[in-house]
């Protein structure tokens, strides 16, 4: 009887030892799973962040972003998730986005550089222009005024800025290093001298400009850049 009791006691000790080892292993596995995925699932949300610094005016492509787990307490309001990536298609950045920044829709705008159904490209002859900035560039938004009474003739986007040889006027940095000068005050050195510009407008809008320039009381044109470059 004593021998049988000792056998049972030894078996119970072995079972307890095995159970102890299993509990330790389960604890280690549980800790590993918590650190690997559990913490992220429970305490974090997956959002889109910038893979690297993204300049203002950059056209959106998926390789500019990747997904990252962010603590729920640190989430930006309106932060985009991987499922929202399609919302960015066809847009461009409206500001500088720092590396690893969370992404929200306010950082983007529609790419507006295109011809509408009733629009075309029309020339504003150099002889018509009384005043314009040397910093005018393709894509700028401008207000065109008649110099007689400063009447606003319309707001237009510039399609081309040409020199006397019909070559596009660019920034030297853009021409030599491929670096665009989107900010007006950064356009300190051009590849040539502006002769004339071409705007995107409807025929009726352009006819209004022609009538002002060639009317009974001819007016010259004053071209005023809007604050932001597009």
Protein backbone atom coordinates (compact mmCIF):
# COMPACT_ATOMS: atom_id res chain seq x y z
CA UNK A 1 0.00 0.00 0.00
CA UNK A 2 2.81 2.37 0.86
CA UNK A 3 4.49 1.59 -2.46
CA UNK A 4 1.28 2.29 -4.40
CA UNK A 5 0.83 5.59 -2.55
CA UNK A 6 4.38 6.63 -3.43
CA UNK A 7 3.73 5.70 -7.11
CA UNK A 8 0.61 7.91 -7.19
CA UNK A 9 2.45 10.73 -5.43
CA UNK A 10 5.30 10.59 -7.97
CA UNK A 11 2.81 10.57 -10.87
CA UNK A 12 1.01 13.63 -9.50
CA UNK A 13 4.31 15.46 -9.14
CA UNK A 14 5.22 14.65 -12.74
CA UNK A 15 1.82 15.82 -13.97
CA UNK A 16 2.17 19.03 -11.96
CA UNK A 17 5.66 19.60 -13.37
CA UNK A 18 4.43 19.04 -16.93
CA UNK A 19 1.46 21.35 -16.34
CA UNK A 20 3.81 23.98 -14.89
CA UNK A 21 6.09 23.76 -17.93
CA UNK A 22 3.07 23.97 -20.26
CA UNK A 23 1.76 27.05 -18.42
CA UNK A 24 5.17 28.70 -18.73
CA UNK A 25 5.28 27.89 -22.46
CA UNK A 26 1.73 29.18 -22.94
CA UNK A 27 2.66 32.38 -21.11
CA UNK A 28 5.68 32.88 -23.37
CA UNK A 29 3.61 32.21 -26.51
CA UNK A 30 0.86 34.53 -25.25
CA UNK A 31 3.39 37.29 -24.54
CA UNK A 32 4.88 36.82 -28.01
CA UNK A 33 1.44 36.98 -29.69
CA UNK A 34 0.53 40.07 -27.65
CA UNK A 35 3.70 41.91 -28.67
CA UNK A 36 3.46 40.71 -32.29
CA UNK A 37 -0.21 41.38 -33.04
CA UNK A 38 -2.36 41.59 -29.94
CA UNK A 39 -1.21 45.03 -28.81
CA UNK A 40 -1.70 46.38 -32.34
CA UNK A 41 -5.20 44.88 -32.67
CA UNK A 42 -6.46 46.05 -29.28
CA UNK A 43 -4.58 49.31 -28.64
CA UNK A 44 -3.68 50.50 -32.17
CA UNK A 45 -5.36 51.30 -35.48
CA UNK A 46 -3.76 50.78 -38.87
CA UNK A 47 -3.56 54.02 -40.86
CA UNK A 48 -1.82 55.36 -43.96
CA UNK A 49 1.39 57.31 -43.36
CA UNK A 50 3.89 59.00 -45.67
CA UNK A 51 6.75 56.69 -46.64
CA UNK A 52 9.03 59.72 -47.07
CA UNK A 53 8.75 63.52 -47.20
CA UNK A 54 6.24 64.48 -49.90
CA UNK A 55 6.53 67.90 -51.55
CA UNK A 56 3.56 70.20 -52.17
CA UNK A 57 2.06 69.68 -55.64
CA UNK A 58 3.10 65.99 -55.87
CA UNK A 59 0.71 63.75 -57.83
CA UNK A 60 -0.51 60.89 -55.66
CA UNK A 61 0.68 57.33 -56.20
CA UNK A 62 0.36 54.38 -53.83
CA UNK A 63 4.13 53.95 -53.47
CA UNK A 64 4.28 57.26 -51.55
CA UNK A 65 2.52 55.65 -48.58
CA UNK A 66 2.57 52.60 -46.36
CA UNK A 67 0.48 51.40 -43.43
CA UNK A 68 1.47 51.71 -39.79
CA UNK A 69 -0.11 50.88 -36.43
CA UNK A 70 -0.74 54.03 -34.41
CA UNK A 71 -1.98 54.13 -30.77
CA UNK A 72 -5.65 55.08 -30.73
CA UNK A 73 -4.88 58.00 -28.43
CA UNK A 74 -2.51 59.45 -31.08
CA UNK A 75 -4.82 59.17 -34.08
CA UNK A 76 -5.49 62.34 -36.07
CA UNK A 77 -9.14 63.12 -36.65
CA UNK A 78 -10.06 61.80 -40.09
CA UNK A 79 -6.86 59.74 -40.48
CA UNK A 80 -7.15 57.54 -43.57
CA UNK A 81 -6.97 53.75 -43.34
CA UNK A 82 -5.65 51.36 -46.02
CA UNK A 83 -9.24 50.93 -47.28
CA UNK A 84 -9.38 54.68 -47.99
CA UNK A 85 -6.46 54.69 -50.43
CA UNK A 86 -8.80 54.96 -53.42
CA UNK A 87 -10.00 58.35 -52.11
CA UNK A 88 -6.58 59.78 -53.00
CA UNK A 89 -6.60 58.70 -56.63
CA UNK A 90 -6.42 61.62 -59.09
CA UNK A 91 -5.32 64.10 -56.41
CA UNK A 92 -2.16 66.01 -55.58
CA UNK A 93 -0.72 67.29 -52.31
CA UNK A 94 -1.76 70.79 -51.22
CA UNK A 95 1.05 71.09 -48.66
CA UNK A 96 4.33 69.53 -47.56
CA UNK A 97 3.79 66.19 -45.79
CA UNK A 98 6.54 65.04 -43.42
CA UNK A 99 7.86 61.48 -43.39
CA UNK A 100 5.69 59.13 -41.26
CA UNK A 101 2.90 61.73 -41.00
CA UNK A 102 -0.62 60.32 -40.78
CA UNK A 103 -2.68 61.15 -43.88
CA UNK A 104 -5.96 63.08 -43.95
CA UNK A 105 -7.95 64.32 -46.95
CA UNK A 106 -7.23 67.98 -46.11
CA UNK A 107 -3.65 67.41 -47.28
CA UNK A 108 -4.83 66.91 -50.87
CA UNK A 109 -6.68 68.66 -53.67
CA UNK A 110 -8.05 67.61 -57.03
CA UNK A 111 -5.63 67.85 -59.93
CA UNK A 112 -7.27 70.84 -61.63
CA UNK A 113 -4.89 71.21 -64.56
CA UNK A 114 -7.08 70.02 -67.43
CA UNK A 115 -9.38 71.32 -70.20
CA UNK A 116 -13.09 71.38 -69.49
CA UNK A 117 -15.69 70.49 -72.11
CA UNK A 118 -16.12 74.08 -73.38
CA UNK A 119 -12.52 75.18 -72.79
CA UNK A 120 -9.46 75.58 -74.96
CA UNK A 121 -6.06 77.31 -74.86
CA UNK A 122 -5.96 80.97 -75.99
CA UNK A 123 -3.04 83.37 -76.43
CA UNK A 124 -2.69 86.62 -74.51
CA UNK A 125 -0.46 88.61 -76.83
CA UNK A 126 2.49 90.47 -75.34
CA UNK A 127 1.22 93.75 -76.87
CA UNK A 128 -1.97 93.46 -74.84
CA UNK A 129 -0.21 93.20 -71.49
CA UNK A 130 0.40 96.39 -69.48
CA UNK A 131 1.61 94.66 -66.34
CA UNK A 132 2.51 91.13 -65.34
CA UNK A 133 4.99 89.46 -63.01
CA UNK A 134 8.22 87.91 -64.28
CA UNK A 135 7.36 84.95 -62.00
CA UNK A 136 4.38 83.80 -64.08
CA UNK A 137 4.58 80.05 -64.73
CA UNK A 138 2.51 77.27 -66.23
CA UNK A 139 -0.33 76.24 -63.91
CA UNK A 140 -0.67 79.57 -62.07
CA UNK A 141 -4.12 80.99 -61.38
CA UNK A 142 -4.40 84.65 -62.46
CA UNK A 143 -6.98 87.44 -62.40
CA UNK A 144 -7.01 89.50 -65.61
CA UNK A 145 -8.11 93.13 -65.32
CA UNK A 146 -8.65 95.82 -67.94
CA UNK A 147 -6.45 98.82 -67.14
CA UNK A 148 -9.37 101.20 -67.87
CA UNK A 149 -11.18 101.27 -64.55
CA UNK A 150 -9.54 98.03 -63.35
CA UNK A 151 -12.50 95.92 -64.50
CA UNK A 152 -12.07 92.21 -63.73
CA UNK A 153 -12.30 90.31 -67.02
CA UNK A 154 -12.03 86.87 -65.46
CA UNK A 155 -9.96 84.37 -63.50
CA UNK A 156 -7.96 81.87 -65.51
CA UNK A 157 -5.34 79.15 -65.26
CA UNK A 158 -2.16 79.61 -67.28
CA UNK A 159 -1.53 76.77 -69.73
CA UNK A 160 1.81 78.02 -71.07
CA UNK A 161 4.31 80.83 -70.49
CA UNK A 162 6.38 81.39 -73.65
CA UNK A 163 9.36 83.47 -74.67
CA UNK A 164 9.73 85.20 -78.05
CA UNK A 165 10.94 81.91 -79.60
CA UNK A 166 7.83 80.04 -78.42
CA UNK A 167 9.83 78.11 -75.81
CA UNK A 168 8.32 77.46 -72.37
CA UNK A 169 9.74 79.75 -69.67
CA UNK A 170 10.75 77.71 -66.63
CA UNK A 171 12.82 78.14 -63.49
CA UNK A 172 16.52 77.42 -63.92
CA UNK A 173 16.41 74.93 -61.02
CA UNK A 174 13.54 73.07 -62.69
CA UNK A 175 15.36 72.97 -66.02
CA UNK A 176 18.70 71.77 -64.64
CA UNK A 177 17.74 69.69 -61.61
CA UNK A 178 14.10 68.81 -62.22
CA UNK A 179 13.09 70.72 -59.10
CA UNK A 180 9.78 72.60 -59.56
CA UNK A 181 9.44 76.10 -58.13
CA UNK A 182 5.80 76.07 -57.10
CA UNK A 183 6.07 78.94 -54.63
CA UNK A 184 5.96 82.30 -56.41
CA UNK A 185 8.64 83.92 -54.25
CA UNK A 186 11.04 81.04 -54.97
CA UNK A 187 11.09 81.82 -58.71
CA UNK A 188 14.25 83.86 -58.66
CA UNK A 189 15.89 82.75 -61.92
CA UNK A 190 14.14 81.96 -65.21
CA UNK A 191 15.39 80.18 -68.32
CA UNK A 192 14.36 83.09 -70.57
CA UNK A 193 12.29 86.30 -70.72
CA UNK A 194 8.49 86.04 -70.87
CA UNK A 195 6.97 87.25 -74.12
CA UNK A 196 3.35 86.06 -73.93
CA UNK A 197 1.14 83.64 -72.05
CA UNK A 198 -1.61 81.20 -73.01
CA UNK A 199 -4.64 80.72 -70.77
CA UNK A 200 -7.34 78.08 -70.37
CA UNK A 201 -10.75 79.62 -71.00
CA UNK A 202 -14.00 79.27 -72.91
CA UNK A 203 -14.44 81.07 -76.24
CA UNK A 204 -16.95 83.49 -74.68
CA UNK A 205 -14.51 84.43 -71.92
CA UNK A 206 -11.74 84.98 -74.46
CA UNK A 207 -14.05 87.01 -76.69
CA UNK A 208 -14.74 89.29 -73.71
CA UNK A 209 -10.98 89.90 -73.38
CA UNK A 210 -10.66 90.57 -77.13
CA UNK A 211 -13.54 93.04 -77.04
CA UNK A 212 -11.91 94.88 -74.16
CA UNK A 213 -8.52 95.06 -75.90
CA UNK A 214 -9.89 96.00 -79.34
CA UNK A 215 -13.04 97.90 -78.36
CA UNK A 216 -13.97 101.53 -78.89
CA UNK A 217 -12.08 102.35 -75.70
CA UNK A 218 -9.12 99.95 -75.91
CA UNK A 219 -7.71 98.68 -72.65
CA UNK A 220 -4.43 96.99 -71.81
CA UNK A 221 -4.39 93.96 -69.53
CA UNK A 222 -3.11 93.72 -65.99
CA UNK A 223 -2.36 90.13 -64.97
CA UNK A 224 -2.37 89.46 -61.24
CA UNK A 225 -1.20 86.15 -59.77
CA UNK A 226 -3.22 84.49 -57.04
CA UNK A 227 -1.31 83.71 -53.85
CA UNK A 228 -0.95 79.93 -54.33
CA UNK A 229 0.69 78.14 -57.23
CA UNK A 230 -1.28 75.21 -58.67
